[in-house]
Amino acid sequence: KQWYQRRVRASSGDGKIGSHSPRISDEVTAKPTLQSVTAMWRRFSEERDWLREHTPRNLTLDLFGEVGEVIEVVLEGRGDELLGEELSDCLASSVRLAEVCGINLTAAINHYFPQ
């Protein structure tokens, strides 16, 4: 719960967890890779001192909450821009969870699409 409260306080001030937006970094290009997105979110988390709170349990709960926000946006028809933001939050939670658990997402994805 403390991690959640810190995250809300670190948001832009409207109290929504999903309202935090990382600064665009040099590693994000027109064609970002999973590695660059993972590195960007790790740095974003480091800057806010969240790494110690990023346990598999906490990140799974965060992902669950973000998926709930996607469901709300879709069911209420609140617009594509907001849907994109919420899906981005799901991606952020997913790449952090994968990194913390030692999962190579690129290899996992390639498993479904053998060359």
PDB file of N, CA and C in Angstrom:
ATOM      1  N   LYS A   1       0.824  -1.194   0.000  1.00  0.00           N
ATOM      2  CA  LYS A   1       0.000   0.000   0.000  1.00  0.00           C
ATOM      3  C   LYS A   1       0.871   1.262   0.000  1.00  0.00           C
ATOM      4  N   GLN A   2       1.986   1.238   0.712  1.00  0.00           N
ATOM      5  CA  GLN A   2       2.860   2.405   0.727  1.00  0.00           C
ATOM      6  C   GLN A   2       3.394   2.695  -0.664  1.00  0.00           C
ATOM      7  N   TRP A   3       3.732   1.637  -1.417  1.00  0.00           N
ATOM      8  CA  TRP A   3       4.232   1.816  -2.778  1.00  0.00           C
ATOM      9  C   TRP A   3       3.167   2.502  -3.619  1.00  0.00           C
ATOM     10  N   TYR A   4       1.929   2.057  -3.504  1.00  0.00           N
ATOM     11  CA  TYR A   4       0.815   2.645  -4.246  1.00  0.00           C
ATOM     12  C   TYR A   4       0.660   4.119  -3.891  1.00  0.00           C
ATOM     13  N   GLN A   5       0.703   4.449  -2.598  1.00  0.00           N
ATOM     14  CA  GLN A   5       0.537   5.829  -2.179  1.00  0.00           C
ATOM     15  C   GLN A   5       1.667   6.705  -2.689  1.00  0.00           C
ATOM     16  N   ARG A   6       2.897   6.180  -2.673  1.00  0.00           N
ATOM     17  CA  ARG A   6       4.023   6.949  -3.207  1.00  0.00           C
ATOM     18  C   ARG A   6       3.825   7.196  -4.686  1.00  0.00           C
ATOM     19  N   ARG A   7       3.312   6.215  -5.407  1.00  0.00           N
ATOM     20  CA  ARG A   7       3.113   6.356  -6.837  1.00  0.00           C
ATOM     21  C   ARG A   7       2.054   7.410  -7.127  1.00  0.00           C
ATOM     22  N   VAL A   8       1.005   7.431  -6.346  1.00  0.00           N
ATOM     23  CA  VAL A   8      -0.024   8.447  -6.533  1.00  0.00           C
ATOM     24  C   VAL A   8       0.553   9.827  -6.279  1.00  0.00           C
ATOM     25  N   ARG A   9       1.338   9.976  -5.206  1.00  0.00           N
ATOM     26  CA  ARG A   9       1.940  11.279  -4.902  1.00  0.00           C
ATOM     27  C   ARG A   9       2.904  11.710  -5.998  1.00  0.00           C
ATOM     28  N   ALA A  10       3.554  10.743  -6.664  1.00  0.00           N
ATOM     29  CA  ALA A  10       4.516  11.079  -7.707  1.00  0.00           C
ATOM     30  C   ALA A  10       3.845  11.398  -9.034  1.00  0.00           C
ATOM     31  N   SER A  11       2.529  11.212  -9.110  1.00  0.00           N
ATOM     32  CA  SER A  11       1.828  11.493 -10.353  1.00  0.00           C
ATOM     33  C   SER A  11       1.752  13.001 -10.563  1.00  0.00           C
ATOM     34  N   SER A  12       1.076  13.396 -11.603  1.00  0.00           N
ATOM     35  CA  SER A  12       1.013  14.815 -11.942  1.00  0.00           C
ATOM     36  C   SER A  12       0.112  15.605 -11.009  1.00  0.00           C
ATOM     37  N   GLY A  13      -0.458  14.965 -10.021  1.00  0.00           N
ATOM     38  CA  GLY A  13      -1.221  15.699  -9.044  1.00  0.00           C
ATOM     39  C   GLY A  13      -2.716  15.475  -9.110  1.00  0.00           C
ATOM     40  N   ASP A  14      -3.198  14.758 -10.119  1.00  0.00           N
ATOM     41  CA  ASP A  14      -4.640  14.559 -10.190  1.00  0.00           C
ATOM     42  C   ASP A  14      -5.079  13.301  -9.448  1.00  0.00           C
ATOM     43  N   GLY A  15      -4.126  12.586  -8.822  1.00  0.00           N
ATOM     44  CA  GLY A  15      -4.465  11.419  -8.021  1.00  0.00           C
ATOM     45  C   GLY A  15      -4.582  10.131  -8.803  1.00  0.00           C
ATOM     46  N   LYS A  16      -4.498  10.198 -10.118  1.00  0.00           N
ATOM     47  CA  LYS A  16      -4.585   8.989 -10.921  1.00  0.00           C
ATOM     48  C   LYS A  16      -3.211   8.352 -11.046  1.00  0.00           C
ATOM     49  N   ILE A  17      -3.160   7.074 -10.827  1.00  0.00           N
ATOM     50  CA  ILE A  17      -1.887   6.373 -10.949  1.00  0.00           C
ATOM     51  C   ILE A  17      -1.360   6.471 -12.369  1.00  0.00           C
ATOM     52  N   GLY A  18      -2.203   6.323 -13.348  1.00  0.00           N
ATOM     53  CA  GLY A  18      -1.771   6.308 -14.732  1.00  0.00           C
ATOM     54  C   GLY A  18      -1.399   7.658 -15.289  1.00  0.00           C
ATOM     55  N   SER A  19      -1.411   8.696 -14.480  1.00  0.00           N
ATOM     56  CA  SER A  19      -1.173  10.032 -15.006  1.00  0.00           C
ATOM     57  C   SER A  19       0.300  10.394 -15.078  1.00  0.00           C
ATOM     58  N   HIS A  20       1.177   9.541 -14.615  1.00  0.00           N
ATOM     59  CA  HIS A  20       2.602   9.845 -14.695  1.00  0.00           C
ATOM     60  C   HIS A  20       3.082   9.573 -16.113  1.00  0.00           C
ATOM     61  N   SER A  21       3.868  10.444 -16.660  1.00  0.00           N
ATOM     62  CA  SER A  21       4.405  10.261 -17.995  1.00  0.00           C
ATOM     63  C   SER A  21       5.903  10.472 -17.952  1.00  0.00           C
ATOM     64  N   PRO A  22       6.668   9.469 -18.392  1.00  0.00           N
ATOM     65  CA  PRO A  22       8.111   9.648 -18.394  1.00  0.00           C
ATOM     66  C   PRO A  22       8.523  10.660 -19.451  1.00  0.00           C
ATOM     67  N   ARG A  23       9.644  11.299 -19.191  1.00  0.00           N
ATOM     68  CA  ARG A  23      10.197  12.185 -20.207  1.00  0.00           C
ATOM     69  C   ARG A  23      10.689  11.324 -21.367  1.00  0.00           C
ATOM     70  N   ILE A  24      10.551  11.858 -22.557  1.00  0.00           N
ATOM     71  CA  ILE A  24      11.051  11.135 -23.719  1.00  0.00           C
ATOM     72  C   ILE A  24      12.573  11.149 -23.636  1.00  0.00           C
ATOM     73  N   SER A  25      13.149   9.976 -23.767  1.00  0.00           N
ATOM     74  CA  SER A  25      14.602   9.871 -23.654  1.00  0.00           C
ATOM     75  C   SER A  25      15.207   9.568 -25.018  1.00  0.00           C
ATOM     76  N   ASP A  26      16.525   9.655 -25.085  1.00  0.00           N
ATOM     77  CA  ASP A  26      17.231   9.392 -26.330  1.00  0.00           C
ATOM     78  C   ASP A  26      17.015   7.969 -26.817  1.00  0.00           C
ATOM     79  N   GLU A  27      16.750   7.048 -25.885  1.00  0.00           N
ATOM     80  CA  GLU A  27      16.624   5.655 -26.301  1.00  0.00           C
ATOM     81  C   GLU A  27      15.274   5.332 -26.919  1.00  0.00           C
ATOM     82  N   VAL A  28      14.302   6.221 -26.806  1.00  0.00           N
ATOM     83  CA  VAL A  28      13.015   5.981 -27.427  1.00  0.00           C
ATOM     84  C   VAL A  28      13.048   6.619 -28.810  1.00  0.00           C
ATOM     85  N   THR A  29      12.930   5.788 -29.803  1.00  0.00           N
ATOM     86  CA  THR A  29      12.998   6.253 -31.182  1.00  0.00           C
ATOM     87  C   THR A  29      11.672   5.946 -31.861  1.00  0.00           C
ATOM     88  N   ALA A  30      11.622   6.188 -33.145  1.00  0.00           N
ATOM     89  CA  ALA A  30      10.411   5.873 -33.898  1.00  0.00           C
ATOM     90  C   ALA A  30      10.125   4.374 -33.861  1.00  0.00           C
ATOM     91  N   LYS A  31      11.153   3.574 -33.665  1.00  0.00           N
ATOM     92  CA  LYS A  31      10.996   2.120 -33.594  1.00  0.00           C
ATOM     93  C   LYS A  31      11.629   1.604 -32.300  1.00  0.00           C
ATOM     94  N   PRO A  32      10.988   1.849 -31.161  1.00  0.00           N
ATOM     95  CA  PRO A  32      11.578   1.382 -29.897  1.00  0.00           C
ATOM     96  C   PRO A  32      11.585  -0.137 -29.832  1.00  0.00           C
ATOM     97  N   THR A  33      12.562  -0.652 -29.134  1.00  0.00           N
ATOM     98  CA  THR A  33      12.653  -2.091 -28.911  1.00  0.00           C
ATOM     99  C   THR A  33      12.164  -2.397 -27.509  1.00  0.00           C
ATOM    100  N   LEU A  34      11.892  -3.648 -27.237  1.00  0.00           N
ATOM    101  CA  LEU A  34      11.527  -4.019 -25.876  1.00  0.00           C
ATOM    102  C   LEU A  34      12.654  -3.674 -24.910  1.00  0.00           C
ATOM    103  N   GLN A  35      13.895  -3.835 -25.364  1.00  0.00           N
ATOM    104  CA  GLN A  35      15.029  -3.509 -24.505  1.00  0.00           C
ATOM    105  C   GLN A  35      15.059  -2.023 -24.173  1.00  0.00           C
ATOM    106  N   SER A  36      14.796  -1.162 -25.157  1.00  0.00           N
ATOM    107  CA  SER A  36      14.835   0.279 -24.881  1.00  0.00           C
ATOM    108  C   SER A  36      13.664   0.698 -23.992  1.00  0.00           C
ATOM    109  N   VAL A  37      12.505   0.096 -24.201  1.00  0.00           N
ATOM    110  CA  VAL A  37      11.355   0.407 -23.354  1.00  0.00           C
ATOM    111  C   VAL A  37      11.613  -0.070 -21.928  1.00  0.00           C
ATOM    112  N   THR A  38      12.191  -1.259 -21.788  1.00  0.00           N
ATOM    113  CA  THR A  38      12.532  -1.786 -20.461  1.00  0.00           C
ATOM    114  C   THR A  38      13.516  -0.861 -19.760  1.00  0.00           C
ATOM    115  N   ALA A  39      14.544  -0.423 -20.472  1.00  0.00           N
ATOM    116  CA  ALA A  39      15.547   0.473 -19.887  1.00  0.00           C
ATOM    117  C   ALA A  39      14.927   1.805 -19.490  1.00  0.00           C
ATOM    118  N   MET A  40      14.032   2.332 -20.324  1.00  0.00           N
ATOM    119  CA  MET A  40      13.381   3.601 -20.030  1.00  0.00           C
ATOM    120  C   MET A  40      12.557   3.498 -18.746  1.00  0.00           C
ATOM    121  N   TRP A  41      11.771   2.431 -18.606  1.00  0.00           N
ATOM    122  CA  TRP A  41      10.938   2.281 -17.414  1.00  0.00           C
ATOM    123  C   TRP A  41      11.758   1.972 -16.175  1.00  0.00           C
ATOM    124  N   ARG A  42      12.886   1.260 -16.346  1.00  0.00           N
ATOM    125  CA  ARG A  42      13.769   1.032 -15.199  1.00  0.00           C
ATOM    126  C   ARG A  42      14.313   2.357 -14.689  1.00  0.00           C
ATOM    127  N   ARG A  43      14.779   3.200 -15.600  1.00  0.00           N
ATOM    128  CA  ARG A  43      15.317   4.506 -15.216  1.00  0.00           C
ATOM    129  C   ARG A  43      14.215   5.376 -14.583  1.00  0.00           C
ATOM    130  N   PHE A  44      13.033   5.357 -15.158  1.00  0.00           N
ATOM    131  CA  PHE A  44      11.893   6.093 -14.611  1.00  0.00           C
ATOM    132  C   PHE A  44      11.625   5.640 -13.175  1.00  0.00           C
ATOM    133  N   SER A  45      11.679   4.358 -12.927  1.00  0.00           N
ATOM    134  CA  SER A  45      11.453   3.802 -11.590  1.00  0.00           C
ATOM    135  C   SER A  45      12.594   4.148 -10.642  1.00  0.00           C
ATOM    136  N   GLU A  46      13.829   4.105 -11.146  1.00  0.00           N
ATOM    137  CA  GLU A  46      14.987   4.471 -10.327  1.00  0.00           C
ATOM    138  C   GLU A  46      14.883   5.923  -9.868  1.00  0.00           C
ATOM    139  N   GLU A  47      14.492   6.806 -10.766  1.00  0.00           N
ATOM    140  CA  GLU A  47      14.386   8.231 -10.444  1.00  0.00           C
ATOM    141  C   GLU A  47      13.390   8.503  -9.323  1.00  0.00           C
ATOM    142  N   ARG A  48      12.425   7.616  -9.168  1.00  0.00           N
ATOM    143  CA  ARG A  48      11.388   7.792  -8.146  1.00  0.00           C
ATOM    144  C   ARG A  48      11.594   6.886  -6.940  1.00  0.00           C
ATOM    145  N   ASP A  49      12.718   6.170  -6.930  1.00  0.00           N
ATOM    146  CA  ASP A  49      13.059   5.261  -5.835  1.00  0.00           C
ATOM    147  C   ASP A  49      11.997   4.173  -5.642  1.00  0.00           C
ATOM    148  N   TRP A  50      11.522   3.628  -6.758  1.00  0.00           N
ATOM    149  CA  TRP A  50      10.498   2.586  -6.706  1.00  0.00           C
ATOM    150  C   TRP A  50      11.079   1.179  -6.813  1.00  0.00           C
ATOM    151  N   LEU A  51      12.356   1.030  -7.153  1.00  0.00           N
ATOM    152  CA  LEU A  51      12.898  -0.302  -7.452  1.00  0.00           C
ATOM    153  C   LEU A  51      12.716  -1.286  -6.302  1.00  0.00           C
ATOM    154  N   ARG A  52      12.914  -0.844  -5.076  1.00  0.00           N
ATOM    155  CA  ARG A  52      12.800  -1.779  -3.956  1.00  0.00           C
ATOM    156  C   ARG A  52      11.357  -2.260  -3.767  1.00  0.00           C
ATOM    157  N   GLU A  53      10.412  -1.474  -4.270  1.00  0.00           N
ATOM    158  CA  GLU A  53       8.998  -1.851  -4.175  1.00  0.00           C
ATOM    159  C   GLU A  53       8.543  -2.699  -5.363  1.00  0.00           C
ATOM    160  N   HIS A  54       9.386  -2.811  -6.380  1.00  0.00           N
ATOM    161  CA  HIS A  54       9.013  -3.559  -7.572  1.00  0.00           C
ATOM    162  C   HIS A  54       9.293  -5.049  -7.391  1.00  0.00           C
ATOM    163  N   THR A  55       8.455  -5.670  -6.590  1.00  0.00           N
ATOM    164  CA  THR A  55       8.493  -7.121  -6.409  1.00  0.00           C
ATOM    165  C   THR A  55       7.531  -7.738  -7.413  1.00  0.00           C
ATOM    166  N   PRO A  56       7.690  -9.019  -7.715  1.00  0.00           N
ATOM    167  CA  PRO A  56       6.727  -9.648  -8.626  1.00  0.00           C
ATOM    168  C   PRO A  56       5.278  -9.464  -8.149  1.00  0.00           C
ATOM    169  N   ARG A  57       5.045  -9.580  -6.862  1.00  0.00           N
ATOM    170  CA  ARG A  57       3.690  -9.416  -6.330  1.00  0.00           C
ATOM    171  C   ARG A  57       3.159  -8.001  -6.587  1.00  0.00           C
ATOM    172  N   ASN A  58       3.942  -6.995  -6.235  1.00  0.00           N
ATOM    173  CA  ASN A  58       3.497  -5.607  -6.414  1.00  0.00           C
ATOM    174  C   ASN A  58       3.287  -5.268  -7.889  1.00  0.00           C
ATOM    175  N   LEU A  59       4.189  -5.738  -8.741  1.00  0.00           N
ATOM    176  CA  LEU A  59       4.057  -5.436 -10.163  1.00  0.00           C
ATOM    177  C   LEU A  59       2.863  -6.165 -10.781  1.00  0.00           C
ATOM    178  N   THR A  60       2.578  -7.368 -10.296  1.00  0.00           N
ATOM    179  CA  THR A  60       1.404  -8.097 -10.778  1.00  0.00           C
ATOM    180  C   THR A  60       0.127  -7.373 -10.372  1.00  0.00           C
ATOM    181  N   LEU A  61       0.083  -6.896  -9.138  1.00  0.00           N
ATOM    182  CA  LEU A  61      -1.081  -6.130  -8.691  1.00  0.00           C
ATOM    183  C   LEU A  61      -1.225  -4.833  -9.491  1.00  0.00           C
ATOM    184  N   ASP A  62      -0.107  -4.198  -9.781  1.00  0.00           N
ATOM    185  CA  ASP A  62      -0.130  -2.981 -10.587  1.00  0.00           C
ATOM    186  C   ASP A  62      -0.665  -3.280 -11.982  1.00  0.00           C
ATOM    187  N   LEU A  63      -0.181  -4.351 -12.600  1.00  0.00           N
ATOM    188  CA  LEU A  63      -0.647  -4.733 -13.930  1.00  0.00           C
ATOM    189  C   LEU A  63      -2.147  -5.012 -13.915  1.00  0.00           C
ATOM    190  N   PHE A  64      -2.602  -5.703 -12.889  1.00  0.00           N
ATOM    191  CA  PHE A  64      -4.024  -5.993 -12.747  1.00  0.00           C
ATOM    192  C   PHE A  64      -4.839  -4.693 -12.697  1.00  0.00           C
ATOM    193  N   GLY A  65      -4.369  -3.728 -11.934  1.00  0.00           N
ATOM    194  CA  GLY A  65      -5.049  -2.436 -11.850  1.00  0.00           C
ATOM    195  C   GLY A  65      -5.054  -1.703 -13.174  1.00  0.00           C
ATOM    196  N   GLU A  66      -3.932  -1.757 -13.889  1.00  0.00           N
ATOM    197  CA  GLU A  66      -3.847  -1.079 -15.185  1.00  0.00           C
ATOM    198  C   GLU A  66      -4.791  -1.716 -16.203  1.00  0.00           C
ATOM    199  N   VAL A  67      -4.892  -3.036 -16.180  1.00  0.00           N
ATOM    200  CA  VAL A  67      -5.831  -3.715 -17.079  1.00  0.00           C
ATOM    201  C   VAL A  67      -7.261  -3.284 -16.749  1.00  0.00           C
ATOM    202  N   GLY A  68      -7.558  -3.131 -15.467  1.00  0.00           N
ATOM    203  CA  GLY A  68      -8.870  -2.632 -15.061  1.00  0.00           C
ATOM    204  C   GLY A  68      -9.152  -1.259 -15.632  1.00  0.00           C
ATOM    205  N   GLU A  69      -8.134  -0.404 -15.679  1.00  0.00           N
ATOM    206  CA  GLU A  69      -8.314   0.931 -16.253  1.00  0.00           C
ATOM    207  C   GLU A  69      -8.558   0.856 -17.758  1.00  0.00           C
ATOM    208  N   VAL A  70      -7.904  -0.096 -18.435  1.00  0.00           N
ATOM    209  CA  VAL A  70      -8.156  -0.295 -19.866  1.00  0.00           C
ATOM    210  C   VAL A  70      -9.614  -0.708 -20.072  1.00  0.00           C
ATOM    211  N   ILE A  71     -10.078  -1.627 -19.242  1.00  0.00           N
ATOM    212  CA  ILE A  71     -11.466  -2.085 -19.346  1.00  0.00           C
ATOM    213  C   ILE A  71     -12.431  -0.913 -19.172  1.00  0.00           C
ATOM    214  N   GLU A  72     -12.184  -0.071 -18.181  1.00  0.00           N
ATOM    215  CA  GLU A  72     -13.046   1.107 -17.963  1.00  0.00           C
ATOM    216  C   GLU A  72     -13.091   2.000 -19.196  1.00  0.00           C
ATOM    217  N   VAL A  73     -11.930   2.291 -19.758  1.00  0.00           N
ATOM    218  CA  VAL A  73     -11.869   3.190 -20.918  1.00  0.00           C
ATOM    219  C   VAL A  73     -12.639   2.599 -22.095  1.00  0.00           C
ATOM    220  N   VAL A  74     -12.458   1.298 -22.332  1.00  0.00           N
ATOM    221  CA  VAL A  74     -13.136   0.658 -23.459  1.00  0.00           C
ATOM    222  C   VAL A  74     -14.649   0.617 -23.228  1.00  0.00           C
ATOM    223  N   LEU A  75     -15.056   0.175 -22.054  1.00  0.00           N
ATOM    224  CA  LEU A  75     -16.492   0.040 -21.785  1.00  0.00           C
ATOM    225  C   LEU A  75     -17.214   1.384 -21.743  1.00  0.00           C
ATOM    226  N   GLU A  76     -16.519   2.415 -21.298  1.00  0.00           N
ATOM    227  CA  GLU A  76     -17.140   3.738 -21.215  1.00  0.00           C
ATOM    228  C   GLU A  76     -16.925   4.565 -22.476  1.00  0.00           C
ATOM    229  N   GLY A  77     -16.137   4.030 -23.439  1.00  0.00           N
ATOM    230  CA  GLY A  77     -15.903   4.728 -24.696  1.00  0.00           C
ATOM    231  C   GLY A  77     -15.275   6.089 -24.517  1.00  0.00           C
ATOM    232  N   ARG A  78     -14.237   6.168 -23.656  1.00  0.00           N
ATOM    233  CA  ARG A  78     -13.659   7.475 -23.314  1.00  0.00           C
ATOM    234  C   ARG A  78     -12.592   7.963 -24.270  1.00  0.00           C
ATOM    235  N   GLY A  79     -12.359   7.275 -25.366  1.00  0.00           N
ATOM    236  CA  GLY A  79     -11.459   7.812 -26.380  1.00  0.00           C
ATOM    237  C   GLY A  79     -10.167   7.050 -26.560  1.00  0.00           C
ATOM    238  N   ASP A  80      -9.659   7.145 -27.794  1.00  0.00           N
ATOM    239  CA  ASP A  80      -8.456   6.420 -28.173  1.00  0.00           C
ATOM    240  C   ASP A  80      -7.201   6.938 -27.485  1.00  0.00           C
ATOM    241  N   GLU A  81      -7.137   8.264 -27.250  1.00  0.00           N
ATOM    242  CA  GLU A  81      -5.938   8.815 -26.615  1.00  0.00           C
ATOM    243  C   GLU A  81      -5.770   8.254 -25.205  1.00  0.00           C
ATOM    244  N   LEU A  82      -6.845   8.247 -24.450  1.00  0.00           N
ATOM    245  CA  LEU A  82      -6.789   7.698 -23.093  1.00  0.00           C
ATOM    246  C   LEU A  82      -6.524   6.196 -23.128  1.00  0.00           C
ATOM    247  N   LEU A  83      -7.115   5.500 -24.091  1.00  0.00           N
ATOM    248  CA  LEU A  83      -6.856   4.070 -24.229  1.00  0.00           C
ATOM    249  C   LEU A  83      -5.377   3.822 -24.487  1.00  0.00           C
ATOM    250  N   GLY A  84      -4.770   4.638 -25.337  1.00  0.00           N
ATOM    251  CA  GLY A  84      -3.339   4.501 -25.605  1.00  0.00           C
ATOM    252  C   GLY A  84      -2.502   4.694 -24.349  1.00  0.00           C
ATOM    253  N   GLU A  85      -2.877   5.681 -23.526  1.00  0.00           N
ATOM    254  CA  GLU A  85      -2.156   5.922 -22.276  1.00  0.00           C
ATOM    255  C   GLU A  85      -2.271   4.723 -21.335  1.00  0.00           C
ATOM    256  N   GLU A  86      -3.473   4.178 -21.234  1.00  0.00           N
ATOM    257  CA  GLU A  86      -3.675   3.042 -20.321  1.00  0.00           C
ATOM    258  C   GLU A  86      -2.977   1.786 -20.833  1.00  0.00           C
ATOM    259  N   LEU A  87      -2.996   1.579 -22.153  1.00  0.00           N
ATOM    260  CA  LEU A  87      -2.259   0.436 -22.708  1.00  0.00           C
ATOM    261  C   LEU A  87      -0.754   0.603 -22.502  1.00  0.00           C
ATOM    262  N   SER A  88      -0.282   1.841 -22.589  1.00  0.00           N
ATOM    263  CA  SER A  88       1.129   2.118 -22.311  1.00  0.00           C
ATOM    264  C   SER A  88       1.466   1.774 -20.860  1.00  0.00           C
ATOM    265  N   ASP A  89       0.561   2.093 -19.941  1.00  0.00           N
ATOM    266  CA  ASP A  89       0.767   1.726 -18.535  1.00  0.00           C
ATOM    267  C   ASP A  89       0.837   0.214 -18.376  1.00  0.00           C
ATOM    268  N   CYS A  90       0.003  -0.528 -19.130  1.00  0.00           N
ATOM    269  CA  CYS A  90       0.044  -1.995 -19.075  1.00  0.00           C
ATOM    270  C   CYS A  90       1.387  -2.511 -19.591  1.00  0.00           C
ATOM    271  N   LEU A  91       1.868  -1.899 -20.667  1.00  0.00           N
ATOM    272  CA  LEU A  91       3.165  -2.301 -21.208  1.00  0.00           C
ATOM    273  C   LEU A  91       4.270  -2.032 -20.195  1.00  0.00           C
ATOM    274  N   ALA A  92       4.220  -0.860 -19.563  1.00  0.00           N
ATOM    275  CA  ALA A  92       5.230  -0.513 -18.560  1.00  0.00           C
ATOM    276  C   ALA A  92       5.229  -1.536 -17.425  1.00  0.00           C
ATOM    277  N   SER A  93       4.058  -1.871 -16.920  1.00  0.00           N
ATOM    278  CA  SER A  93       3.969  -2.854 -15.839  1.00  0.00           C
ATOM    279  C   SER A  93       4.472  -4.213 -16.300  1.00  0.00           C
ATOM    280  N   SER A  94       4.154  -4.571 -17.528  1.00  0.00           N
ATOM    281  CA  SER A  94       4.577  -5.869 -18.066  1.00  0.00           C
ATOM    282  C   SER A  94       6.087  -5.963 -18.228  1.00  0.00           C
ATOM    283  N   VAL A  95       6.701  -4.905 -18.783  1.00  0.00           N
ATOM    284  CA  VAL A  95       8.154  -4.981 -18.983  1.00  0.00           C
ATOM    285  C   VAL A  95       8.899  -4.932 -17.650  1.00  0.00           C
ATOM    286  N   ARG A  96       8.383  -4.179 -16.676  1.00  0.00           N
ATOM    287  CA  ARG A  96       9.010  -4.172 -15.343  1.00  0.00           C
ATOM    288  C   ARG A  96       8.882  -5.543 -14.687  1.00  0.00           C
ATOM    289  N   LEU A  97       7.702  -6.153 -14.780  1.00  0.00           N
ATOM    290  CA  LEU A  97       7.485  -7.471 -14.202  1.00  0.00           C
ATOM    291  C   LEU A  97       8.401  -8.499 -14.859  1.00  0.00           C
ATOM    292  N   ALA A  98       8.498  -8.459 -16.174  1.00  0.00           N
ATOM    293  CA  ALA A  98       9.371  -9.390 -16.880  1.00  0.00           C
ATOM    294  C   ALA A  98      10.825  -9.208 -16.452  1.00  0.00           C
ATOM    295  N   GLU A  99      11.271  -7.970 -16.350  1.00  0.00           N
ATOM    296  CA  GLU A  99      12.664  -7.720 -15.963  1.00  0.00           C
ATOM    297  C   GLU A  99      12.940  -8.228 -14.546  1.00  0.00           C
ATOM    298  N   VAL A 100      12.044  -7.918 -13.624  1.00  0.00           N
ATOM    299  CA  VAL A 100      12.228  -8.338 -12.230  1.00  0.00           C
ATOM    300  C   VAL A 100      12.240  -9.864 -12.121  1.00  0.00           C
ATOM    301  N   CYS A 101      11.445 -10.523 -12.959  1.00  0.00           N
ATOM    302  CA  CYS A 101      11.371 -11.993 -12.919  1.00  0.00           C
ATOM    303  C   CYS A 101      12.417 -12.668 -13.809  1.00  0.00           C
ATOM    304  N   GLY A 102      13.238 -11.877 -14.484  1.00  0.00           N
ATOM    305  CA  GLY A 102      14.291 -12.442 -15.331  1.00  0.00           C
ATOM    306  C   GLY A 102      13.772 -13.051 -16.627  1.00  0.00           C
ATOM    307  N   ILE A 103      12.657 -12.547 -17.123  1.00  0.00           N
ATOM    308  CA  ILE A 103      12.064 -13.058 -18.354  1.00  0.00           C
ATOM    309  C   ILE A 103      12.534 -12.213 -19.535  1.00  0.00           C
ATOM    310  N   ASN A 104      13.023 -12.877 -20.558  1.00  0.00           N
ATOM    311  CA  ASN A 104      13.408 -12.208 -21.796  1.00  0.00           C
ATOM    312  C   ASN A 104      12.165 -12.153 -22.680  1.00  0.00           C
ATOM    313  N   LEU A 105      11.512 -10.995 -22.726  1.00  0.00           N
ATOM    314  CA  LEU A 105      10.270 -10.872 -23.488  1.00  0.00           C
ATOM    315  C   LEU A 105      10.477 -11.079 -24.981  1.00  0.00           C
ATOM    316  N   THR A 106      11.603 -10.635 -25.501  1.00  0.00           N
ATOM    317  CA  THR A 106      11.868 -10.829 -26.928  1.00  0.00           C
ATOM    318  C   THR A 106      11.897 -12.316 -27.251  1.00  0.00           C
ATOM    319  N   ALA A 107      12.591 -13.097 -26.428  1.00  0.00           N
ATOM    320  CA  ALA A 107      12.645 -14.548 -26.647  1.00  0.00           C
ATOM    321  C   ALA A 107      11.261 -15.177 -26.480  1.00  0.00           C
ATOM    322  N   ALA A 108      10.503 -14.688 -25.505  1.00  0.00           N
ATOM    323  CA  ALA A 108       9.162 -15.227 -25.284  1.00  0.00           C
ATOM    324  C   ALA A 108       8.256 -14.946 -26.483  1.00  0.00           C
ATOM    325  N   ILE A 109       8.354 -13.744 -27.037  1.00  0.00           N
ATOM    326  CA  ILE A 109       7.555 -13.405 -28.215  1.00  0.00           C
ATOM    327  C   ILE A 109       8.003 -14.214 -29.421  1.00  0.00           C
ATOM    328  N   ASN A 110       9.316 -14.336 -29.602  1.00  0.00           N
ATOM    329  CA  ASN A 110       9.844 -15.094 -30.739  1.00  0.00           C
ATOM    330  C   ASN A 110       9.438 -16.566 -30.684  1.00  0.00           C
ATOM    331  N   HIS A 111       9.125 -17.069 -29.503  1.00  0.00           N
ATOM    332  CA  HIS A 111       8.662 -18.446 -29.361  1.00  0.00           C
ATOM    333  C   HIS A 111       7.385 -18.660 -30.173  1.00  0.00           C
ATOM    334  N   TYR A 112       6.538 -17.638 -30.243  1.00  0.00           N
ATOM    335  CA  TYR A 112       5.288 -17.738 -30.979  1.00  0.00           C
ATOM    336  C   TYR A 112       5.453 -17.502 -32.470  1.00  0.00           C
ATOM    337  N   PHE A 113       6.524 -16.883 -32.844  1.00  0.00           N
ATOM    338  CA  PHE A 113       6.752 -16.557 -34.259  1.00  0.00           C
ATOM    339  C   PHE A 113       8.127 -17.040 -34.687  1.00  0.00           C
ATOM    340  N   PRO A 114       8.311 -18.365 -34.761  1.00  0.00           N
ATOM    341  CA  PRO A 114       9.633 -18.878 -35.157  1.00  0.00           C
ATOM    342  C   PRO A 114       9.987 -18.428 -36.572  1.00  0.00           C
ATOM    343  N   GLN A 115      11.256 -18.223 -36.791  1.00  0.00           N
ATOM    344  CA  GLN A 115      11.705 -17.699 -38.077  1.00  0.00           C
ATOM    345  C   GLN A 115      11.917 -18.780 -39.085  1.00  0.00           C
TER     346      GLN A 115
END
